[in-house]
All heavy atoms as atom14 arrays in JSON, in Angstrom:
{
  "sequence": "YRQAPGKQREFLTDITTYGSTIYADSIKGRFTISRDNAK",
  "atom14_mask": [
    [1, 1, 1, 1, 1, 1, 1, 1, 1, 1, 1, 1, 0, 0],
    [1, 1, 1, 1, 1, 1, 1, 1, 1, 1, 1, 0, 0, 0],
    [1, 1, 1, 1, 1, 1, 1, 1, 1, 0, 0, 0, 0, 0],
    [1, 1, 1, 1, 1, 0, 0, 0, 0, 0, 0, 0, 0, 0],
    [1, 1, 1, 1, 1, 1, 1, 0, 0, 0, 0, 0, 0, 0],
    [1, 1, 1, 1, 0, 0, 0, 0, 0, 0, 0, 0, 0, 0],
    [1, 1, 1, 1, 1, 1, 1, 1, 1, 0, 0, 0, 0, 0],
    [1, 1, 1, 1, 1, 1, 1, 1, 1, 0, 0, 0, 0, 0],
    [1, 1, 1, 1, 1, 1, 1, 1, 1, 1, 1, 0, 0, 0],
    [1, 1, 1, 1, 1, 1, 1, 1, 1, 0, 0, 0, 0, 0],
    [1, 1, 1, 1, 1, 1, 1, 1, 1, 1, 1, 0, 0, 0],
    [1, 1, 1, 1, 1, 1, 1, 1, 0, 0, 0, 0, 0, 0],
    [1, 1, 1, 1, 1, 1, 1, 0, 0, 0, 0, 0, 0, 0],
    [1, 1, 1, 1, 1, 1, 1, 1, 0, 0, 0, 0, 0, 0],
    [1, 1, 1, 1, 1, 1, 1, 1, 0, 0, 0, 0, 0, 0],
    [1, 1, 1, 1, 1, 1, 1, 0, 0, 0, 0, 0, 0, 0],
    [1, 1, 1, 1, 1, 1, 1, 0, 0, 0, 0, 0, 0, 0],
    [1, 1, 1, 1, 1, 1, 1, 1, 1, 1, 1, 1, 0, 0],
    [1, 1, 1, 1, 0, 0, 0, 0, 0, 0, 0, 0, 0, 0],
    [1, 1, 1, 1, 1, 1, 0, 0, 0, 0, 0, 0, 0, 0],
    [1, 1, 1, 1, 1, 1, 1, 0, 0, 0, 0, 0, 0, 0],
    [1, 1, 1, 1, 1, 1, 1, 1, 0, 0, 0, 0, 0, 0],
    [1, 1, 1, 1, 1, 1, 1, 1, 1, 1, 1, 1, 0, 0],
    [1, 1, 1, 1, 1, 0, 0, 0, 0, 0, 0, 0, 0, 0],
    [1, 1, 1, 1, 1, 1, 1, 1, 0, 0, 0, 0, 0, 0],
    [1, 1, 1, 1, 1, 1, 0, 0, 0, 0, 0, 0, 0, 0],
    [1, 1, 1, 1, 1, 1, 1, 1, 0, 0, 0, 0, 0, 0],
    [1, 1, 1, 1, 1, 1, 1, 1, 1, 0, 0, 0, 0, 0],
    [1, 1, 1, 1, 0, 0, 0, 0, 0, 0, 0, 0, 0, 0],
    [1, 1, 1, 1, 1, 1, 1, 1, 1, 1, 1, 0, 0, 0],
    [1, 1, 1, 1, 1, 1, 1, 1, 1, 1, 1, 0, 0, 0],
    [1, 1, 1, 1, 1, 1, 1, 0, 0, 0, 0, 0, 0, 0],
    [1, 1, 1, 1, 1, 1, 1, 1, 0, 0, 0, 0, 0, 0],
    [1, 1, 1, 1, 1, 1, 0, 0, 0, 0, 0, 0, 0, 0],
    [1, 1, 1, 1, 1, 1, 1, 1, 1, 1, 1, 0, 0, 0],
    [1, 1, 1, 1, 1, 1, 1, 1, 0, 0, 0, 0, 0, 0],
    [1, 1, 1, 1, 1, 1, 1, 1, 0, 0, 0, 0, 0, 0],
    [1, 1, 1, 1, 1, 0, 0, 0, 0, 0, 0, 0, 0, 0],
    [1, 1, 1, 1, 1, 1, 1, 1, 1, 0, 0, 0, 0, 0]
  ],
  "atom14_positions": [
    [[9.28, 109.59, 171.04], [7.9, 109.99, 171.2], [7.24, 108.98, 172.15], [7.8, 107.93, 172.42], [7.15, 109.95, 169.87], [7.5, 111.04, 168.88], [8.76, 111.11, 168.3], [6.54, 111.99, 168.52], [9.06, 112.11, 167.39], [6.84, 112.98, 167.59], [8.09, 113.04, 167.04], [8.38, 114.03, 166.13], [0.0, 0.0, 0.0], [0.0, 0.0, 0.0]],
    [[6.06, 109.32, 172.61], [5.3, 108.35, 173.39], [3.81, 108.51, 173.1], [3.36, 109.57, 172.67], [5.55, 108.5, 174.89], [5.0, 109.78, 175.51], [5.4, 109.88, 176.98], [4.91, 111.12, 177.59], [5.29, 111.54, 178.8], [6.17, 110.82, 179.52], [4.82, 112.67, 179.28], [0.0, 0.0, 0.0], [0.0, 0.0, 0.0], [0.0, 0.0, 0.0]],
    [[3.09, 107.43, 173.33], [1.65, 107.45, 173.13], [0.98, 106.7, 174.27], [1.19, 105.5, 174.44], [1.27, 106.83, 171.79], [-0.19, 106.99, 171.44], [-0.47, 106.69, 169.98], [0.33, 106.04, 169.29], [-1.6, 107.17, 169.48], [0.0, 0.0, 0.0], [0.0, 0.0, 0.0], [0.0, 0.0, 0.0], [0.0, 0.0, 0.0], [0.0, 0.0, 0.0]],
    [[0.19, 107.44, 175.03], [-0.58, 106.84, 176.11], [-1.93, 106.39, 175.57], [-2.4, 106.9, 174.54], [-0.77, 107.85, 177.23], [0.0, 0.0, 0.0], [0.0, 0.0, 0.0], [0.0, 0.0, 0.0], [0.0, 0.0, 0.0], [0.0, 0.0, 0.0], [0.0, 0.0, 0.0], [0.0, 0.0, 0.0], [0.0, 0.0, 0.0], [0.0, 0.0, 0.0]],
    [[-2.59, 105.45, 176.24], [-3.89, 104.96, 175.77], [-4.89, 106.1, 175.6], [-5.06, 106.93, 176.5], [-4.33, 104.01, 176.88], [-3.06, 103.55, 177.5], [-2.13, 104.72, 177.43], [0.0, 0.0, 0.0], [0.0, 0.0, 0.0], [0.0, 0.0, 0.0], [0.0, 0.0, 0.0], [0.0, 0.0, 0.0], [0.0, 0.0, 0.0], [0.0, 0.0, 0.0]],
    [[-5.52, 106.15, 174.45], [-6.53, 107.16, 174.19], [-5.99, 108.54, 173.88], [-6.77, 109.49, 173.74], [0.0, 0.0, 0.0], [0.0, 0.0, 0.0], [0.0, 0.0, 0.0], [0.0, 0.0, 0.0], [0.0, 0.0, 0.0], [0.0, 0.0, 0.0], [0.0, 0.0, 0.0], [0.0, 0.0, 0.0], [0.0, 0.0, 0.0], [0.0, 0.0, 0.0]],
    [[-4.67, 108.66, 173.74], [-4.07, 109.97, 173.48], [-3.27, 109.94, 172.19], [-2.9, 108.88, 171.7], [-3.18, 110.4, 174.64], [-3.94, 110.65, 175.93], [-3.04, 111.25, 176.98], [-3.8, 111.58, 178.25], [-2.92, 112.2, 179.29], [0.0, 0.0, 0.0], [0.0, 0.0, 0.0], [0.0, 0.0, 0.0], [0.0, 0.0, 0.0], [0.0, 0.0, 0.0]],
    [[-2.97, 111.12, 171.66], [-2.15, 111.21, 170.47], [-0.69, 110.99, 170.81], [-0.27, 111.16, 171.95], [-2.33, 112.61, 169.83], [-3.7, 112.83, 169.21], [-3.78, 114.13, 168.44], [-3.07, 115.1, 168.74], [-4.61, 114.16, 167.42], [0.0, 0.0, 0.0], [0.0, 0.0, 0.0], [0.0, 0.0, 0.0], [0.0, 0.0, 0.0], [0.0, 0.0, 0.0]],
    [[0.05, 110.61, 169.79], [1.49, 110.44, 169.97], [2.11, 111.81, 170.29], [1.8, 112.8, 169.62], [2.11, 109.83, 168.73], [3.54, 109.36, 168.92], [4.01, 108.5, 167.77], [3.26, 107.25, 167.67], [3.59, 106.24, 166.87], [4.66, 106.34, 166.11], [2.85, 105.16, 166.82], [0.0, 0.0, 0.0], [0.0, 0.0, 0.0], [0.0, 0.0, 0.0]],
    [[2.98, 111.8, 171.28], [3.55, 113.05, 171.82], [5.04, 113.1, 171.61], [5.76, 112.14, 171.95], [3.22, 113.12, 173.33], [3.88, 114.24, 174.09], [3.76, 114.07, 175.6], [3.43, 112.94, 176.07], [4.01, 115.05, 176.32], [0.0, 0.0, 0.0], [0.0, 0.0, 0.0], [0.0, 0.0, 0.0], [0.0, 0.0, 0.0], [0.0, 0.0, 0.0]],
    [[5.55, 114.22, 171.08], [6.98, 114.41, 170.94], [7.61, 114.59, 172.31], [7.08, 115.34, 173.15], [7.28, 115.63, 170.08], [8.71, 116.06, 170.11], [9.65, 115.4, 169.35], [9.13, 117.11, 170.93], [10.99, 115.78, 169.38], [10.45, 117.5, 170.97], [11.38, 116.83, 170.19], [0.0, 0.0, 0.0], [0.0, 0.0, 0.0], [0.0, 0.0, 0.0]],
    [[8.75, 113.95, 172.53], [9.47, 114.09, 173.79], [10.79, 114.81, 173.62], [11.08, 115.79, 174.31], [9.72, 112.73, 174.43], [8.49, 111.92, 174.83], [8.92, 110.58, 175.4], [7.65, 112.68, 175.82], [0.0, 0.0, 0.0], [0.0, 0.0, 0.0], [0.0, 0.0, 0.0], [0.0, 0.0, 0.0], [0.0, 0.0, 0.0], [0.0, 0.0, 0.0]],
    [[11.64, 114.29, 172.74], [12.98, 114.82, 172.64], [13.63, 114.38, 171.35], [13.22, 113.38, 170.74], [13.83, 114.38, 173.85], [15.15, 114.92, 173.75], [13.92, 112.86, 173.93], [0.0, 0.0, 0.0], [0.0, 0.0, 0.0], [0.0, 0.0, 0.0], [0.0, 0.0, 0.0], [0.0, 0.0, 0.0], [0.0, 0.0, 0.0], [0.0, 0.0, 0.0]],
    [[14.68, 115.12, 170.96], [15.34, 114.86, 169.7], [16.81, 115.23, 169.84], [17.15, 116.17, 170.58], [14.68, 115.7, 168.61], [15.25, 115.46, 167.24], [14.79, 114.5, 166.59], [16.13, 116.22, 166.83], [0.0, 0.0, 0.0], [0.0, 0.0, 0.0], [0.0, 0.0, 0.0], [0.0, 0.0, 0.0], [0.0, 0.0, 0.0], [0.0, 0.0, 0.0]],
    [[17.67, 114.52, 169.11], [19.1, 114.84, 169.13], [19.64, 114.71, 167.71], [19.35, 113.75, 167.0], [19.88, 113.93, 170.11], [21.35, 114.36, 170.21], [19.76, 112.46, 169.73], [22.08, 113.71, 171.38], [0.0, 0.0, 0.0], [0.0, 0.0, 0.0], [0.0, 0.0, 0.0], [0.0, 0.0, 0.0], [0.0, 0.0, 0.0], [0.0, 0.0, 0.0]],
    [[20.41, 115.7, 167.29], [20.98, 115.67, 165.94], [22.3, 114.9, 165.94], [22.82, 114.53, 166.99], [21.24, 117.09, 165.43], [22.32, 117.66, 166.18], [20.0, 117.96, 165.54], [0.0, 0.0, 0.0], [0.0, 0.0, 0.0], [0.0, 0.0, 0.0], [0.0, 0.0, 0.0], [0.0, 0.0, 0.0], [0.0, 0.0, 0.0], [0.0, 0.0, 0.0]],
    [[22.81, 114.68, 164.75], [24.09, 113.99, 164.6], [25.2, 114.73, 165.35], [26.15, 114.1, 165.85], [24.47, 113.9, 163.12], [23.41, 113.24, 162.41], [25.75, 113.12, 162.91], [0.0, 0.0, 0.0], [0.0, 0.0, 0.0], [0.0, 0.0, 0.0], [0.0, 0.0, 0.0], [0.0, 0.0, 0.0], [0.0, 0.0, 0.0], [0.0, 0.0, 0.0]],
    [[25.06, 116.05, 165.46], [26.09, 116.86, 166.11], [25.85, 117.04, 167.6], [26.62, 117.72, 168.27], [26.16, 118.22, 165.42], [26.46, 118.09, 163.95], [25.44, 118.25, 163.01], [27.72, 117.75, 163.49], [25.69, 118.1, 161.66], [27.98, 117.61, 162.13], [26.97, 117.77, 161.23], [27.21, 117.62, 159.89], [0.0, 0.0, 0.0], [0.0, 0.0, 0.0]],
    [[24.77, 116.45, 168.1], [24.52, 116.47, 169.54], [23.59, 117.55, 170.05], [23.37, 117.66, 171.25], [0.0, 0.0, 0.0], [0.0, 0.0, 0.0], [0.0, 0.0, 0.0], [0.0, 0.0, 0.0], [0.0, 0.0, 0.0], [0.0, 0.0, 0.0], [0.0, 0.0, 0.0], [0.0, 0.0, 0.0], [0.0, 0.0, 0.0], [0.0, 0.0, 0.0]],
    [[23.01, 118.32, 169.16], [22.04, 119.33, 169.59], [20.75, 118.65, 170.02], [20.28, 117.74, 169.35], [21.74, 120.3, 168.45], [22.9, 121.02, 168.1], [0.0, 0.0, 0.0], [0.0, 0.0, 0.0], [0.0, 0.0, 0.0], [0.0, 0.0, 0.0], [0.0, 0.0, 0.0], [0.0, 0.0, 0.0], [0.0, 0.0, 0.0], [0.0, 0.0, 0.0]],
    [[20.21, 119.11, 171.13], [19.02, 118.47, 171.69], [17.88, 119.46, 171.89], [18.09, 120.66, 172.01], [19.34, 117.83, 173.05], [19.8, 118.84, 173.95], [20.39, 116.74, 172.92], [0.0, 0.0, 0.0], [0.0, 0.0, 0.0], [0.0, 0.0, 0.0], [0.0, 0.0, 0.0], [0.0, 0.0, 0.0], [0.0, 0.0, 0.0], [0.0, 0.0, 0.0]],
    [[16.69, 118.91, 171.94], [15.5, 119.68, 172.26], [14.59, 118.77, 173.08], [14.56, 117.55, 172.84], [14.79, 120.2, 170.98], [13.63, 121.11, 171.34], [14.35, 119.04, 170.1], [13.05, 121.84, 170.13], [0.0, 0.0, 0.0], [0.0, 0.0, 0.0], [0.0, 0.0, 0.0], [0.0, 0.0, 0.0], [0.0, 0.0, 0.0], [0.0, 0.0, 0.0]],
    [[13.89, 119.36, 174.05], [13.02, 118.59, 174.94], [11.64, 119.23, 175.04], [11.5, 120.45, 175.04], [13.61, 118.54, 176.35], [14.88, 117.77, 176.49], [16.11, 118.4, 176.37], [14.85, 116.4, 176.74], [17.29, 117.68, 176.49], [16.03, 115.68, 176.86], [17.24, 116.32, 176.75], [18.41, 115.61, 176.87], [0.0, 0.0, 0.0], [0.0, 0.0, 0.0]],
    [[10.65, 118.37, 175.18], [9.31, 118.84, 175.5], [9.28, 119.3, 176.95], [10.0, 118.74, 177.8], [8.28, 117.73, 175.28], [0.0, 0.0, 0.0], [0.0, 0.0, 0.0], [0.0, 0.0, 0.0], [0.0, 0.0, 0.0], [0.0, 0.0, 0.0], [0.0, 0.0, 0.0], [0.0, 0.0, 0.0], [0.0, 0.0, 0.0], [0.0, 0.0, 0.0]],
    [[8.46, 120.28, 177.24], [8.38, 120.81, 178.61], [8.0, 119.73, 179.62], [8.43, 119.77, 180.77], [7.36, 121.95, 178.68], [7.86, 123.22, 177.98], [9.08, 123.32, 177.75], [7.02, 124.08, 177.68], [0.0, 0.0, 0.0], [0.0, 0.0, 0.0], [0.0, 0.0, 0.0], [0.0, 0.0, 0.0], [0.0, 0.0, 0.0], [0.0, 0.0, 0.0]],
    [[7.21, 118.76, 179.2], [6.71, 117.73, 180.11], [7.8, 116.85, 180.69], [7.6, 116.2, 181.71], [5.65, 116.87, 179.42], [6.21, 116.24, 178.28], [0.0, 0.0, 0.0], [0.0, 0.0, 0.0], [0.0, 0.0, 0.0], [0.0, 0.0, 0.0], [0.0, 0.0, 0.0], [0.0, 0.0, 0.0], [0.0, 0.0, 0.0], [0.0, 0.0, 0.0]],
    [[8.95, 116.82, 180.05], [10.02, 115.93, 180.51], [11.31, 116.66, 180.86], [12.27, 116.03, 181.31], [10.33, 114.82, 179.49], [10.88, 115.44, 178.2], [9.1, 113.97, 179.23], [11.52, 114.42, 177.29], [0.0, 0.0, 0.0], [0.0, 0.0, 0.0], [0.0, 0.0, 0.0], [0.0, 0.0, 0.0], [0.0, 0.0, 0.0], [0.0, 0.0, 0.0]],
    [[11.36, 117.95, 180.67], [12.59, 118.69, 180.97], [13.0, 118.51, 182.42], [12.18, 118.59, 183.33], [12.37, 120.19, 180.68], [12.53, 120.57, 179.24], [12.36, 122.08, 179.05], [12.5, 122.47, 177.59], [12.25, 123.91, 177.38], [0.0, 0.0, 0.0], [0.0, 0.0, 0.0], [0.0, 0.0, 0.0], [0.0, 0.0, 0.0], [0.0, 0.0, 0.0]],
    [[14.28, 118.25, 182.61], [14.8, 118.07, 183.95], [14.68, 116.66, 184.49], [15.29, 116.33, 185.51], [0.0, 0.0, 0.0], [0.0, 0.0, 0.0], [0.0, 0.0, 0.0], [0.0, 0.0, 0.0], [0.0, 0.0, 0.0], [0.0, 0.0, 0.0], [0.0, 0.0, 0.0], [0.0, 0.0, 0.0], [0.0, 0.0, 0.0], [0.0, 0.0, 0.0]],
    [[13.9, 115.82, 183.8], [13.73, 114.43, 184.26], [14.3, 113.42, 183.27], [14.83, 112.38, 183.66], [12.26, 114.12, 184.5], [11.59, 114.97, 185.55], [10.19, 114.43, 185.9], [9.31, 114.44, 184.73], [8.65, 113.36, 184.3], [8.81, 112.19, 184.91], [7.84, 113.46, 183.25], [0.0, 0.0, 0.0], [0.0, 0.0, 0.0], [0.0, 0.0, 0.0]],
    [[14.16, 113.7, 181.99], [14.62, 112.79, 180.94], [15.82, 113.39, 180.23], [15.89, 114.61, 180.04], [13.52, 112.54, 179.91], [12.32, 111.79, 180.4], [12.12, 111.5, 181.74], [11.35, 111.36, 179.49], [11.0, 110.81, 182.18], [10.23, 110.67, 179.91], [10.05, 110.4, 181.26], [0.0, 0.0, 0.0], [0.0, 0.0, 0.0], [0.0, 0.0, 0.0]],
    [[16.74, 112.52, 179.81], [17.91, 112.97, 179.07], [18.14, 112.07, 177.86], [18.18, 110.84, 178.01], [19.17, 112.94, 179.95], [18.96, 113.76, 181.12], [20.37, 113.47, 179.2], [0.0, 0.0, 0.0], [0.0, 0.0, 0.0], [0.0, 0.0, 0.0], [0.0, 0.0, 0.0], [0.0, 0.0, 0.0], [0.0, 0.0, 0.0], [0.0, 0.0, 0.0]],
    [[18.31, 112.68, 176.71], [18.6, 111.93, 175.51], [20.1, 111.98, 175.26], [20.76, 112.99, 175.52], [17.82, 112.47, 174.29], [17.95, 111.53, 173.09], [18.25, 113.89, 173.93], [17.02, 111.87, 171.93], [0.0, 0.0, 0.0], [0.0, 0.0, 0.0], [0.0, 0.0, 0.0], [0.0, 0.0, 0.0], [0.0, 0.0, 0.0], [0.0, 0.0, 0.0]],
    [[20.65, 110.89, 174.77], [22.05, 110.85, 174.39], [22.2, 109.93, 173.18], [21.29, 109.16, 172.85], [22.93, 110.38, 175.55], [22.57, 109.07, 175.95], [0.0, 0.0, 0.0], [0.0, 0.0, 0.0], [0.0, 0.0, 0.0], [0.0, 0.0, 0.0], [0.0, 0.0, 0.0], [0.0, 0.0, 0.0], [0.0, 0.0, 0.0], [0.0, 0.0, 0.0]],
    [[23.36, 110.02, 172.57], [23.55, 109.3, 171.31], [24.97, 108.8, 171.24], [25.91, 109.53, 171.55], [23.24, 110.26, 170.17], [23.33, 109.69, 168.77], [22.77, 110.7, 167.77], [22.85, 110.21, 166.41], [22.21, 110.73, 165.38], [21.44, 111.78, 165.56], [22.36, 110.23, 164.17], [0.0, 0.0, 0.0], [0.0, 0.0, 0.0], [0.0, 0.0, 0.0]],
    [[25.12, 107.56, 170.81], [26.43, 106.96, 170.56], [26.5, 106.67, 169.07], [25.97, 105.65, 168.61], [26.59, 105.68, 171.4], [27.99, 105.09, 171.29], [28.68, 105.34, 170.28], [28.38, 104.38, 172.22], [0.0, 0.0, 0.0], [0.0, 0.0, 0.0], [0.0, 0.0, 0.0], [0.0, 0.0, 0.0], [0.0, 0.0, 0.0], [0.0, 0.0, 0.0]],
    [[27.13, 107.56, 168.33], [27.17, 107.41, 166.87], [27.93, 106.15, 166.45], [27.6, 105.54, 165.43], [27.79, 108.64, 166.23], [26.88, 109.86, 166.32], [25.65, 109.72, 166.37], [27.45, 111.03, 166.33], [0.0, 0.0, 0.0], [0.0, 0.0, 0.0], [0.0, 0.0, 0.0], [0.0, 0.0, 0.0], [0.0, 0.0, 0.0], [0.0, 0.0, 0.0]],
    [[28.92, 105.77, 167.22], [29.7, 104.57, 166.87], [28.85, 103.31, 166.96], [29.1, 102.33, 166.24], [30.91, 104.45, 167.79], [0.0, 0.0, 0.0], [0.0, 0.0, 0.0], [0.0, 0.0, 0.0], [0.0, 0.0, 0.0], [0.0, 0.0, 0.0], [0.0, 0.0, 0.0], [0.0, 0.0, 0.0], [0.0, 0.0, 0.0], [0.0, 0.0, 0.0]],
    [[27.86, 103.34, 167.85], [26.98, 102.18, 168.02], [25.63, 102.37, 167.33], [24.75, 101.52, 167.45], [26.75, 101.91, 169.5], [28.0, 101.49, 170.26], [27.68, 101.2, 171.71], [28.92, 100.75, 172.46], [28.64, 100.45, 173.89], [0.0, 0.0, 0.0], [0.0, 0.0, 0.0], [0.0, 0.0, 0.0], [0.0, 0.0, 0.0], [0.0, 0.0, 0.0]]
  ]
}
């Protein structure tokens, strides 16, 4: 998530244990989430 000054906290992206992802429209195509379960 992120929070800019004077604004509410905004959801960006999420990834499940199995690797399923979801992105907010504001960051699609620019941001990528990934996960290393071993670490």
